[in-house]
Amino acid sequence: MPTRTGGGGGAVRRIRVLVLLAALSALGPLSMDACMPGLPRLADSLHSPAWAVQLTVTACLMGLAVGQLAAGPLSDALGRRRPLLFGLTLYTVAGLLRALAPTVGLLVVLRGVQGLGGAFALVIAYAYVSDLHEGRAAALLGCGQFLFGGLAAPPAGLPGAHGAVPMATVTAVLGLAAVTVLITLTPDP
């Protein structure tokens, strides 16, 4: 597999990087699918109309869009690790605060922030691929990332069907796990 890093590190490192990149790529889709089944229950628990709760989806998508515009240039200028940690921290803190949000307005804002953080993870995960691999190897890894996000996202909606706190907790735990793995196991390429 052609790499830009000289091929060092062996199979275990390649597998670890593949799993981390796939998980990072899945955060955005997971954020969307984890909230969808719980929207009706969320509207009831916040005593809000359905249209107001549906704005959380719009806010998350807007955060994902804006975050993609910022993440690429920032990660090119500052390196991959620091912007990725920033994005994952935003994602995780917003997920934790979502579980405590007392109003739909605050929830909409937090979903936008979570989308922004998720975009950093998504964009930088794909940038890591081009940093570490080229040609066919990069294409295969990119396809694997895309496929993992699509396959992992639907089951993430199961906790969301039980209400706002479980769905927010799932996304916060995923973000915290990604931060932990990034800090402890992965150097900046």
N, C-alpha and C. Protein backbone atom coordinates (compact mmCIF):
# COMPACT_ATOMS: atom_id res chain seq x y z
N MET A 1 0.85 -1.18 0.00
CA MET A 1 0.00 0.00 0.00
C MET A 1 0.90 1.24 0.00
N PRO A 2 0.89 2.06 -1.07
CA PRO A 2 1.74 3.23 -1.11
C PRO A 2 1.34 4.25 -0.03
N THR A 3 2.35 4.67 0.71
CA THR A 3 2.10 5.67 1.74
C THR A 3 3.06 6.83 1.57
N ARG A 4 2.73 7.92 2.17
CA ARG A 4 3.61 9.09 2.14
C ARG A 4 4.50 9.13 3.37
N THR A 5 4.29 8.20 4.30
CA THR A 5 5.05 8.22 5.55
C THR A 5 6.20 7.24 5.51
N GLY A 6 6.48 6.65 4.38
CA GLY A 6 7.59 5.73 4.27
C GLY A 6 7.23 4.30 4.63
N GLY A 7 5.97 4.00 4.92
CA GLY A 7 5.55 2.64 5.16
C GLY A 7 5.84 2.13 6.54
N GLY A 8 6.41 2.92 7.46
CA GLY A 8 6.72 2.46 8.80
C GLY A 8 5.49 2.29 9.65
N GLY A 9 5.62 1.47 10.69
CA GLY A 9 4.54 1.35 11.66
C GLY A 9 3.81 0.04 11.60
N GLY A 10 3.84 -0.65 10.48
CA GLY A 10 3.27 -1.97 10.40
C GLY A 10 1.76 -2.01 10.31
N ALA A 11 1.28 -3.25 10.30
CA ALA A 11 -0.14 -3.51 10.09
C ALA A 11 -0.99 -3.01 11.26
N VAL A 12 -0.50 -3.14 12.47
CA VAL A 12 -1.29 -2.72 13.63
C VAL A 12 -1.54 -1.22 13.58
N ARG A 13 -0.54 -0.45 13.25
CA ARG A 13 -0.72 1.00 13.15
C ARG A 13 -1.70 1.35 12.03
N ARG A 14 -1.59 0.67 10.90
CA ARG A 14 -2.50 0.94 9.78
C ARG A 14 -3.95 0.64 10.16
N ILE A 15 -4.16 -0.45 10.86
CA ILE A 15 -5.51 -0.80 11.29
C ILE A 15 -6.03 0.22 12.30
N ARG A 16 -5.19 0.62 13.23
CA ARG A 16 -5.59 1.62 14.23
C ARG A 16 -5.96 2.94 13.56
N VAL A 17 -5.16 3.36 12.59
CA VAL A 17 -5.44 4.61 11.88
C VAL A 17 -6.73 4.46 11.07
N LEU A 18 -6.92 3.33 10.41
CA LEU A 18 -8.14 3.10 9.64
C LEU A 18 -9.38 3.19 10.53
N VAL A 19 -9.34 2.55 11.68
CA VAL A 19 -10.50 2.56 12.59
C VAL A 19 -10.75 3.98 13.10
N LEU A 20 -9.71 4.69 13.47
CA LEU A 20 -9.88 6.06 13.96
C LEU A 20 -10.45 6.97 12.87
N LEU A 21 -9.91 6.88 11.67
CA LEU A 21 -10.39 7.73 10.58
C LEU A 21 -11.84 7.40 10.21
N ALA A 22 -12.18 6.12 10.21
CA ALA A 22 -13.56 5.74 9.91
C ALA A 22 -14.50 6.26 11.00
N ALA A 23 -14.10 6.16 12.25
CA ALA A 23 -14.94 6.65 13.35
C ALA A 23 -15.11 8.16 13.26
N LEU A 24 -14.04 8.87 12.95
CA LEU A 24 -14.13 10.33 12.82
C LEU A 24 -15.06 10.70 11.67
N SER A 25 -14.95 9.97 10.57
CA SER A 25 -15.80 10.25 9.40
C SER A 25 -17.26 9.99 9.70
N ALA A 26 -17.54 9.11 10.64
CA ALA A 26 -18.92 8.74 10.95
C ALA A 26 -19.60 9.71 11.91
N LEU A 27 -18.85 10.59 12.58
CA LEU A 27 -19.47 11.46 13.58
C LEU A 27 -20.58 12.33 13.01
N GLY A 28 -20.39 12.90 11.84
CA GLY A 28 -21.43 13.74 11.25
C GLY A 28 -22.70 12.97 10.96
N PRO A 29 -22.61 11.85 10.20
CA PRO A 29 -23.81 11.05 9.97
C PRO A 29 -24.43 10.52 11.26
N LEU A 30 -23.58 10.13 12.21
CA LEU A 30 -24.11 9.63 13.48
C LEU A 30 -24.90 10.72 14.20
N SER A 31 -24.42 11.94 14.12
CA SER A 31 -25.12 13.05 14.78
C SER A 31 -26.52 13.22 14.21
N MET A 32 -26.64 13.06 12.92
CA MET A 32 -27.95 13.23 12.29
C MET A 32 -28.87 12.05 12.62
N ASP A 33 -28.37 10.84 12.44
CA ASP A 33 -29.23 9.66 12.62
C ASP A 33 -29.56 9.39 14.08
N ALA A 34 -28.72 9.83 14.98
CA ALA A 34 -29.00 9.61 16.41
C ALA A 34 -30.16 10.47 16.89
N CYS A 35 -30.43 11.57 16.21
CA CYS A 35 -31.49 12.45 16.70
C CYS A 35 -32.82 12.23 16.01
N MET A 36 -32.84 11.71 14.82
CA MET A 36 -34.08 11.62 14.05
C MET A 36 -35.21 10.87 14.74
N PRO A 37 -34.99 9.65 15.25
CA PRO A 37 -36.11 8.92 15.84
C PRO A 37 -36.68 9.59 17.09
N GLY A 38 -35.89 10.40 17.75
CA GLY A 38 -36.34 11.01 19.00
C GLY A 38 -37.00 12.36 18.86
N LEU A 39 -37.14 12.87 17.64
CA LEU A 39 -37.70 14.21 17.48
C LEU A 39 -39.12 14.36 18.04
N PRO A 40 -40.03 13.42 17.78
CA PRO A 40 -41.37 13.58 18.36
C PRO A 40 -41.37 13.58 19.89
N ARG A 41 -40.60 12.69 20.47
CA ARG A 41 -40.51 12.63 21.93
C ARG A 41 -39.85 13.89 22.48
N LEU A 42 -38.86 14.39 21.76
CA LEU A 42 -38.18 15.62 22.17
C LEU A 42 -39.14 16.80 22.18
N ALA A 43 -39.97 16.90 21.16
CA ALA A 43 -40.97 17.98 21.09
C ALA A 43 -41.89 17.91 22.30
N ASP A 44 -42.31 16.71 22.66
CA ASP A 44 -43.18 16.56 23.83
C ASP A 44 -42.47 16.95 25.12
N SER A 45 -41.23 16.49 25.29
CA SER A 45 -40.52 16.76 26.54
C SER A 45 -40.17 18.23 26.71
N LEU A 46 -39.97 18.94 25.62
CA LEU A 46 -39.66 20.38 25.70
C LEU A 46 -40.91 21.25 25.54
N HIS A 47 -42.07 20.61 25.40
CA HIS A 47 -43.33 21.33 25.22
C HIS A 47 -43.21 22.34 24.08
N SER A 48 -42.69 21.82 22.96
CA SER A 48 -42.45 22.66 21.78
C SER A 48 -43.14 22.06 20.57
N PRO A 49 -43.46 22.91 19.60
CA PRO A 49 -44.04 22.37 18.37
C PRO A 49 -43.00 21.58 17.57
N ALA A 50 -43.48 20.66 16.77
CA ALA A 50 -42.59 19.81 15.97
C ALA A 50 -41.67 20.63 15.08
N TRP A 51 -42.18 21.71 14.48
CA TRP A 51 -41.34 22.51 13.58
C TRP A 51 -40.15 23.10 14.32
N ALA A 52 -40.33 23.48 15.58
CA ALA A 52 -39.22 24.07 16.34
C ALA A 52 -38.14 23.03 16.62
N VAL A 53 -38.55 21.83 16.95
CA VAL A 53 -37.58 20.76 17.22
C VAL A 53 -36.88 20.35 15.93
N GLN A 54 -37.59 20.40 14.82
CA GLN A 54 -36.97 20.06 13.54
C GLN A 54 -35.88 21.04 13.14
N LEU A 55 -35.90 22.23 13.72
CA LEU A 55 -34.82 23.19 13.47
C LEU A 55 -33.47 22.68 13.98
N THR A 56 -33.50 21.72 14.91
CA THR A 56 -32.23 21.15 15.39
C THR A 56 -31.51 20.43 14.26
N VAL A 57 -32.27 19.83 13.36
CA VAL A 57 -31.67 19.16 12.21
C VAL A 57 -31.06 20.19 11.27
N THR A 58 -31.79 21.26 11.01
CA THR A 58 -31.29 22.34 10.15
C THR A 58 -30.02 22.94 10.74
N ALA A 59 -30.03 23.17 12.05
CA ALA A 59 -28.86 23.76 12.70
C ALA A 59 -27.65 22.85 12.61
N CYS A 60 -27.86 21.57 12.78
CA CYS A 60 -26.75 20.62 12.68
C CYS A 60 -26.18 20.61 11.26
N LEU A 61 -27.05 20.60 10.26
CA LEU A 61 -26.58 20.64 8.88
C LEU A 61 -25.84 21.93 8.55
N MET A 62 -26.34 23.05 9.10
CA MET A 62 -25.65 24.33 8.88
C MET A 62 -24.27 24.31 9.55
N GLY A 63 -24.20 23.76 10.75
CA GLY A 63 -22.90 23.63 11.42
C GLY A 63 -21.94 22.77 10.63
N LEU A 64 -22.45 21.65 10.09
CA LEU A 64 -21.62 20.79 9.26
C LEU A 64 -21.10 21.54 8.04
N ALA A 65 -21.95 22.34 7.41
CA ALA A 65 -21.55 23.08 6.21
C ALA A 65 -20.51 24.15 6.53
N VAL A 66 -20.77 24.97 7.54
CA VAL A 66 -19.84 26.04 7.91
C VAL A 66 -18.52 25.46 8.40
N GLY A 67 -18.62 24.39 9.20
CA GLY A 67 -17.41 23.77 9.72
C GLY A 67 -16.50 23.25 8.64
N GLN A 68 -17.07 22.74 7.55
CA GLN A 68 -16.25 22.23 6.46
C GLN A 68 -15.47 23.36 5.79
N LEU A 69 -16.08 24.54 5.73
CA LEU A 69 -15.38 25.68 5.14
C LEU A 69 -14.19 26.13 5.99
N ALA A 70 -14.31 25.99 7.30
CA ALA A 70 -13.26 26.44 8.20
C ALA A 70 -12.21 25.36 8.48
N ALA A 71 -12.62 24.11 8.56
CA ALA A 71 -11.72 23.04 9.01
C ALA A 71 -10.55 22.81 8.06
N GLY A 72 -10.82 22.80 6.77
CA GLY A 72 -9.74 22.53 5.81
C GLY A 72 -8.62 23.54 5.89
N PRO A 73 -8.92 24.83 5.72
CA PRO A 73 -7.85 25.82 5.79
C PRO A 73 -7.15 25.86 7.16
N LEU A 74 -7.91 25.70 8.23
CA LEU A 74 -7.28 25.70 9.56
C LEU A 74 -6.34 24.52 9.74
N SER A 75 -6.76 23.34 9.28
CA SER A 75 -5.90 22.17 9.45
C SER A 75 -4.68 22.23 8.52
N ASP A 76 -4.81 22.91 7.39
CA ASP A 76 -3.65 23.11 6.52
C ASP A 76 -2.65 24.07 7.17
N ALA A 77 -3.17 25.09 7.83
CA ALA A 77 -2.30 26.11 8.42
C ALA A 77 -1.70 25.68 9.76
N LEU A 78 -2.48 24.96 10.57
CA LEU A 78 -2.06 24.67 11.95
C LEU A 78 -1.66 23.21 12.18
N GLY A 79 -1.77 22.38 11.17
CA GLY A 79 -1.58 20.95 11.35
C GLY A 79 -2.92 20.30 11.61
N ARG A 80 -2.96 19.00 11.57
CA ARG A 80 -4.23 18.29 11.70
C ARG A 80 -4.70 18.13 13.15
N ARG A 81 -3.78 17.88 14.04
CA ARG A 81 -4.14 17.50 15.40
C ARG A 81 -4.88 18.58 16.18
N ARG A 82 -4.35 19.79 16.24
CA ARG A 82 -4.99 20.84 17.05
C ARG A 82 -6.39 21.21 16.56
N PRO A 83 -6.60 21.45 15.27
CA PRO A 83 -7.97 21.72 14.82
C PRO A 83 -8.91 20.53 15.05
N LEU A 84 -8.39 19.31 14.91
CA LEU A 84 -9.22 18.13 15.15
C LEU A 84 -9.61 18.05 16.62
N LEU A 85 -8.67 18.29 17.52
CA LEU A 85 -9.01 18.31 18.95
C LEU A 85 -10.02 19.40 19.26
N PHE A 86 -9.86 20.55 18.63
CA PHE A 86 -10.82 21.65 18.81
C PHE A 86 -12.22 21.20 18.38
N GLY A 87 -12.32 20.63 17.18
CA GLY A 87 -13.60 20.19 16.66
C GLY A 87 -14.23 19.10 17.51
N LEU A 88 -13.42 18.12 17.93
CA LEU A 88 -13.95 17.05 18.76
C LEU A 88 -14.39 17.56 20.13
N THR A 89 -13.67 18.54 20.65
CA THR A 89 -14.07 19.13 21.93
C THR A 89 -15.41 19.85 21.78
N LEU A 90 -15.57 20.63 20.72
CA LEU A 90 -16.86 21.28 20.46
C LEU A 90 -17.98 20.25 20.37
N TYR A 91 -17.73 19.21 19.62
CA TYR A 91 -18.71 18.16 19.41
C TYR A 91 -19.12 17.52 20.74
N THR A 92 -18.13 17.19 21.55
CA THR A 92 -18.38 16.50 22.81
C THR A 92 -19.08 17.40 23.82
N VAL A 93 -18.59 18.62 24.01
CA VAL A 93 -19.20 19.54 24.97
C VAL A 93 -20.64 19.87 24.56
N ALA A 94 -20.85 20.10 23.26
CA ALA A 94 -22.21 20.38 22.80
C ALA A 94 -23.12 19.18 23.05
N GLY A 95 -22.61 17.97 22.87
CA GLY A 95 -23.40 16.77 23.14
C GLY A 95 -23.78 16.66 24.61
N LEU A 96 -22.83 16.95 25.48
CA LEU A 96 -23.12 16.91 26.92
C LEU A 96 -24.15 17.97 27.31
N LEU A 97 -23.97 19.17 26.79
CA LEU A 97 -24.90 20.26 27.12
C LEU A 97 -26.29 20.02 26.52
N ARG A 98 -26.35 19.34 25.39
CA ARG A 98 -27.65 19.01 24.79
C ARG A 98 -28.50 18.19 25.75
N ALA A 99 -27.86 17.31 26.49
CA ALA A 99 -28.61 16.47 27.42
C ALA A 99 -29.27 17.30 28.52
N LEU A 100 -28.75 18.49 28.75
CA LEU A 100 -29.26 19.35 29.82
C LEU A 100 -30.06 20.53 29.31
N ALA A 101 -30.19 20.68 28.01
CA ALA A 101 -30.85 21.86 27.43
C ALA A 101 -32.31 21.95 27.87
N PRO A 102 -32.68 23.06 28.52
CA PRO A 102 -34.06 23.19 29.00
C PRO A 102 -35.04 23.74 27.96
N THR A 103 -34.51 24.32 26.87
CA THR A 103 -35.38 24.93 25.86
C THR A 103 -34.97 24.48 24.47
N VAL A 104 -35.92 24.53 23.56
CA VAL A 104 -35.64 24.16 22.19
C VAL A 104 -34.68 25.16 21.55
N GLY A 105 -34.74 26.42 21.93
CA GLY A 105 -33.83 27.42 21.37
C GLY A 105 -32.38 27.10 21.69
N LEU A 106 -32.11 26.75 22.93
CA LEU A 106 -30.75 26.38 23.32
C LEU A 106 -30.34 25.09 22.61
N LEU A 107 -31.25 24.18 22.48
CA LEU A 107 -30.95 22.92 21.80
C LEU A 107 -30.58 23.16 20.33
N VAL A 108 -31.27 24.08 19.68
CA VAL A 108 -30.96 24.41 18.28
C VAL A 108 -29.53 24.94 18.19
N VAL A 109 -29.16 25.84 19.09
CA VAL A 109 -27.80 26.40 19.09
C VAL A 109 -26.77 25.30 19.32
N LEU A 110 -27.03 24.44 20.29
CA LEU A 110 -26.07 23.37 20.61
C LEU A 110 -25.94 22.37 19.46
N ARG A 111 -27.03 22.12 18.75
CA ARG A 111 -26.94 21.23 17.60
C ARG A 111 -26.10 21.86 16.49
N GLY A 112 -26.20 23.18 16.32
CA GLY A 112 -25.34 23.86 15.35
C GLY A 112 -23.88 23.74 15.73
N VAL A 113 -23.59 23.93 17.01
CA VAL A 113 -22.20 23.81 17.50
C VAL A 113 -21.71 22.38 17.32
N GLN A 114 -22.58 21.42 17.61
CA GLN A 114 -22.17 20.02 17.44
C GLN A 114 -21.91 19.71 15.96
N GLY A 115 -22.72 20.22 15.08
CA GLY A 115 -22.48 20.04 13.65
C GLY A 115 -21.15 20.65 13.22
N LEU A 116 -20.84 21.82 13.76
CA LEU A 116 -19.56 22.47 13.46
C LEU A 116 -18.39 21.59 13.88
N GLY A 117 -18.46 21.07 15.09
CA GLY A 117 -17.39 20.18 15.57
C GLY A 117 -17.31 18.90 14.77
N GLY A 118 -18.46 18.34 14.40
CA GLY A 118 -18.48 17.13 13.58
C GLY A 118 -17.86 17.35 12.22
N ALA A 119 -18.03 18.55 11.68
CA ALA A 119 -17.44 18.86 10.37
C ALA A 119 -15.92 18.85 10.45
N PHE A 120 -15.36 19.34 11.54
CA PHE A 120 -13.91 19.30 11.70
C PHE A 120 -13.42 17.86 11.66
N ALA A 121 -14.13 16.96 12.36
CA ALA A 121 -13.74 15.55 12.37
C ALA A 121 -13.83 14.96 10.96
N LEU A 122 -14.89 15.24 10.27
CA LEU A 122 -15.11 14.70 8.93
C LEU A 122 -14.03 15.17 7.95
N VAL A 123 -13.82 16.47 7.88
CA VAL A 123 -12.87 17.04 6.92
C VAL A 123 -11.44 16.60 7.23
N ILE A 124 -11.07 16.66 8.48
CA ILE A 124 -9.68 16.35 8.85
C ILE A 124 -9.41 14.85 8.71
N ALA A 125 -10.41 14.01 8.94
CA ALA A 125 -10.22 12.57 8.71
C ALA A 125 -9.87 12.31 7.25
N TYR A 126 -10.56 12.97 6.33
CA TYR A 126 -10.25 12.79 4.91
C TYR A 126 -8.90 13.43 4.56
N ALA A 127 -8.55 14.52 5.22
CA ALA A 127 -7.24 15.13 4.97
C ALA A 127 -6.11 14.21 5.43
N TYR A 128 -6.32 13.51 6.55
CA TYR A 128 -5.33 12.55 7.02
C TYR A 128 -5.06 11.49 5.95
N VAL A 129 -6.10 11.06 5.26
CA VAL A 129 -5.93 10.05 4.21
C VAL A 129 -4.96 10.56 3.15
N SER A 130 -5.16 11.80 2.71
CA SER A 130 -4.26 12.31 1.67
C SER A 130 -2.87 12.60 2.22
N ASP A 131 -2.75 12.81 3.53
CA ASP A 131 -1.42 12.98 4.14
C ASP A 131 -0.66 11.66 4.21
N LEU A 132 -1.38 10.57 4.45
CA LEU A 132 -0.74 9.30 4.73
C LEU A 132 -0.63 8.38 3.51
N HIS A 133 -1.51 8.55 2.54
CA HIS A 133 -1.56 7.62 1.41
C HIS A 133 -1.75 8.38 0.11
N GLU A 134 -1.50 7.66 -0.98
CA GLU A 134 -1.74 8.24 -2.31
C GLU A 134 -2.26 7.16 -3.24
N GLY A 135 -2.80 7.61 -4.35
CA GLY A 135 -3.27 6.69 -5.38
C GLY A 135 -4.37 5.76 -4.92
N ARG A 136 -4.22 4.50 -5.29
CA ARG A 136 -5.23 3.47 -5.00
C ARG A 136 -5.44 3.30 -3.49
N ALA A 137 -4.38 3.34 -2.72
CA ALA A 137 -4.51 3.18 -1.26
C ALA A 137 -5.36 4.29 -0.66
N ALA A 138 -5.15 5.51 -1.11
CA ALA A 138 -5.96 6.64 -0.61
C ALA A 138 -7.42 6.48 -1.03
N ALA A 139 -7.63 6.04 -2.26
CA ALA A 139 -9.01 5.86 -2.74
C ALA A 139 -9.73 4.78 -1.95
N LEU A 140 -9.05 3.68 -1.69
CA LEU A 140 -9.67 2.59 -0.92
C LEU A 140 -9.97 3.02 0.51
N LEU A 141 -9.04 3.71 1.13
CA LEU A 141 -9.26 4.17 2.49
C LEU A 141 -10.40 5.19 2.55
N GLY A 142 -10.44 6.10 1.58
CA GLY A 142 -11.54 7.07 1.53
C GLY A 142 -12.89 6.39 1.35
N CYS A 143 -12.94 5.38 0.50
CA CYS A 143 -14.19 4.63 0.32
C CYS A 143 -14.58 3.90 1.60
N GLY A 144 -13.60 3.34 2.28
CA GLY A 144 -13.87 2.66 3.54
C GLY A 144 -14.43 3.60 4.59
N GLN A 145 -13.88 4.81 4.65
CA GLN A 145 -14.40 5.82 5.58
C GLN A 145 -15.85 6.13 5.27
N PHE A 146 -16.14 6.37 4.02
CA PHE A 146 -17.49 6.72 3.59
C PHE A 146 -18.47 5.59 3.90
N LEU A 147 -18.05 4.38 3.61
CA LEU A 147 -18.90 3.22 3.84
C LEU A 147 -19.18 3.01 5.32
N PHE A 148 -18.16 3.17 6.16
CA PHE A 148 -18.34 2.98 7.60
C PHE A 148 -19.36 3.97 8.16
N GLY A 149 -19.28 5.22 7.74
CA GLY A 149 -20.23 6.23 8.20
C GLY A 149 -21.65 5.87 7.83
N GLY A 150 -21.83 5.39 6.62
CA GLY A 150 -23.16 5.00 6.18
C GLY A 150 -23.71 3.79 6.90
N LEU A 151 -22.84 2.86 7.25
CA LEU A 151 -23.29 1.65 7.94
C LEU A 151 -23.47 1.85 9.44
N ALA A 152 -22.67 2.71 10.02
CA ALA A 152 -22.72 2.91 11.48
C ALA A 152 -23.84 3.85 11.90
N ALA A 153 -24.25 4.74 11.03
CA ALA A 153 -25.22 5.76 11.42
C ALA A 153 -26.62 5.24 11.76
N PRO A 154 -27.23 4.36 10.98
CA PRO A 154 -28.60 3.95 11.31
C PRO A 154 -28.76 3.33 12.70
N PRO A 155 -27.88 2.41 13.15
CA PRO A 155 -28.05 1.88 14.51
C PRO A 155 -27.90 2.95 15.59
N ALA A 156 -27.24 4.04 15.27
CA ALA A 156 -27.07 5.11 16.26
C ALA A 156 -28.40 5.77 16.60
N GLY A 157 -29.38 5.62 15.75
CA GLY A 157 -30.69 6.19 16.01
C GLY A 157 -31.48 5.47 17.08
N LEU A 158 -31.08 4.27 17.45
CA LEU A 158 -31.82 3.50 18.44
C LEU A 158 -31.92 4.21 19.79
N PRO A 159 -30.82 4.73 20.35
CA PRO A 159 -30.96 5.45 21.62
C PRO A 159 -31.79 6.72 21.48
N GLY A 160 -31.76 7.33 20.31
CA GLY A 160 -32.52 8.55 20.08
C GLY A 160 -34.02 8.34 20.21
N ALA A 161 -34.47 7.13 19.94
CA ALA A 161 -35.90 6.84 20.05
C ALA A 161 -36.38 6.91 21.49
N HIS A 162 -35.45 6.90 22.42
CA HIS A 162 -35.81 6.92 23.85
C HIS A 162 -35.77 8.32 24.44
N GLY A 163 -35.49 9.32 23.65
CA GLY A 163 -35.55 10.70 24.13
C GLY A 163 -34.26 11.47 23.94
N ALA A 164 -34.30 12.72 24.40
CA ALA A 164 -33.20 13.66 24.18
C ALA A 164 -31.94 13.29 24.94
N VAL A 165 -32.08 12.88 26.18
CA VAL A 165 -30.89 12.60 26.99
C VAL A 165 -30.11 11.41 26.44
N PRO A 166 -30.74 10.28 26.10
CA PRO A 166 -29.94 9.19 25.53
C PRO A 166 -29.26 9.56 24.22
N MET A 167 -29.96 10.30 23.34
CA MET A 167 -29.33 10.61 22.06
C MET A 167 -28.19 11.60 22.24
N ALA A 168 -28.31 12.55 23.14
CA ALA A 168 -27.22 13.49 23.39
C ALA A 168 -26.06 12.78 24.06
N THR A 169 -26.36 11.85 24.94
CA THR A 169 -25.32 11.12 25.65
C THR A 169 -24.52 10.25 24.69
N VAL A 170 -25.18 9.60 23.75
CA VAL A 170 -24.48 8.76 22.78
C VAL A 170 -23.49 9.60 21.98
N THR A 171 -23.91 10.74 21.48
CA THR A 171 -22.99 11.56 20.69
C THR A 171 -21.86 12.11 21.54
N ALA A 172 -22.14 12.47 22.79
CA ALA A 172 -21.09 12.97 23.67
C ALA A 172 -20.07 11.88 23.99
N VAL A 173 -20.53 10.67 24.24
CA VAL A 173 -19.62 9.56 24.54
C VAL A 173 -18.76 9.24 23.32
N LEU A 174 -19.36 9.26 22.14
CA LEU A 174 -18.57 9.02 20.92
C LEU A 174 -17.50 10.10 20.75
N GLY A 175 -17.86 11.33 20.97
CA GLY A 175 -16.89 12.42 20.87
C GLY A 175 -15.79 12.28 21.89
N LEU A 176 -16.15 11.95 23.12
CA LEU A 176 -15.15 11.77 24.18
C LEU A 176 -14.21 10.61 23.86
N ALA A 177 -14.76 9.54 23.34
CA ALA A 177 -13.92 8.40 22.95
C ALA A 177 -12.95 8.80 21.85
N ALA A 178 -13.42 9.57 20.88
CA ALA A 178 -12.54 10.00 19.79
C ALA A 178 -11.43 10.91 20.31
N VAL A 179 -11.76 11.83 21.22
CA VAL A 179 -10.74 12.71 21.81
C VAL A 179 -9.71 11.88 22.56
N THR A 180 -10.17 10.92 23.34
CA THR A 180 -9.26 10.08 24.12
C THR A 180 -8.32 9.31 23.22
N VAL A 181 -8.86 8.69 22.20
CA VAL A 181 -8.02 7.93 21.27
C VAL A 181 -7.03 8.85 20.57
N LEU A 182 -7.50 10.00 20.14
CA LEU A 182 -6.64 10.93 19.43
C LEU A 182 -5.48 11.39 20.32
N ILE A 183 -5.78 11.73 21.56
CA ILE A 183 -4.73 12.22 22.47
C ILE A 183 -3.73 11.11 22.82
N THR A 184 -4.23 9.92 23.09
CA THR A 184 -3.35 8.88 23.60
C THR A 184 -2.63 8.06 22.55
N LEU A 185 -3.20 7.93 21.37
CA LEU A 185 -2.64 6.97 20.41
C LEU A 185 -2.11 7.53 19.11
N THR A 186 -2.42 8.76 18.80
CA THR A 186 -2.12 9.21 17.44
C THR A 186 -1.22 10.43 17.41
N PRO A 187 -0.07 10.33 16.77
CA PRO A 187 0.76 11.51 16.58
C PRO A 187 0.27 12.32 15.40
N ASP A 188 0.67 13.58 15.33
CA ASP A 188 0.35 14.41 14.17
C ASP A 188 1.22 13.96 13.01
N PRO A 189 0.62 13.63 11.84
CA PRO A 189 1.45 13.14 10.72
C PRO A 189 2.38 14.22 10.20
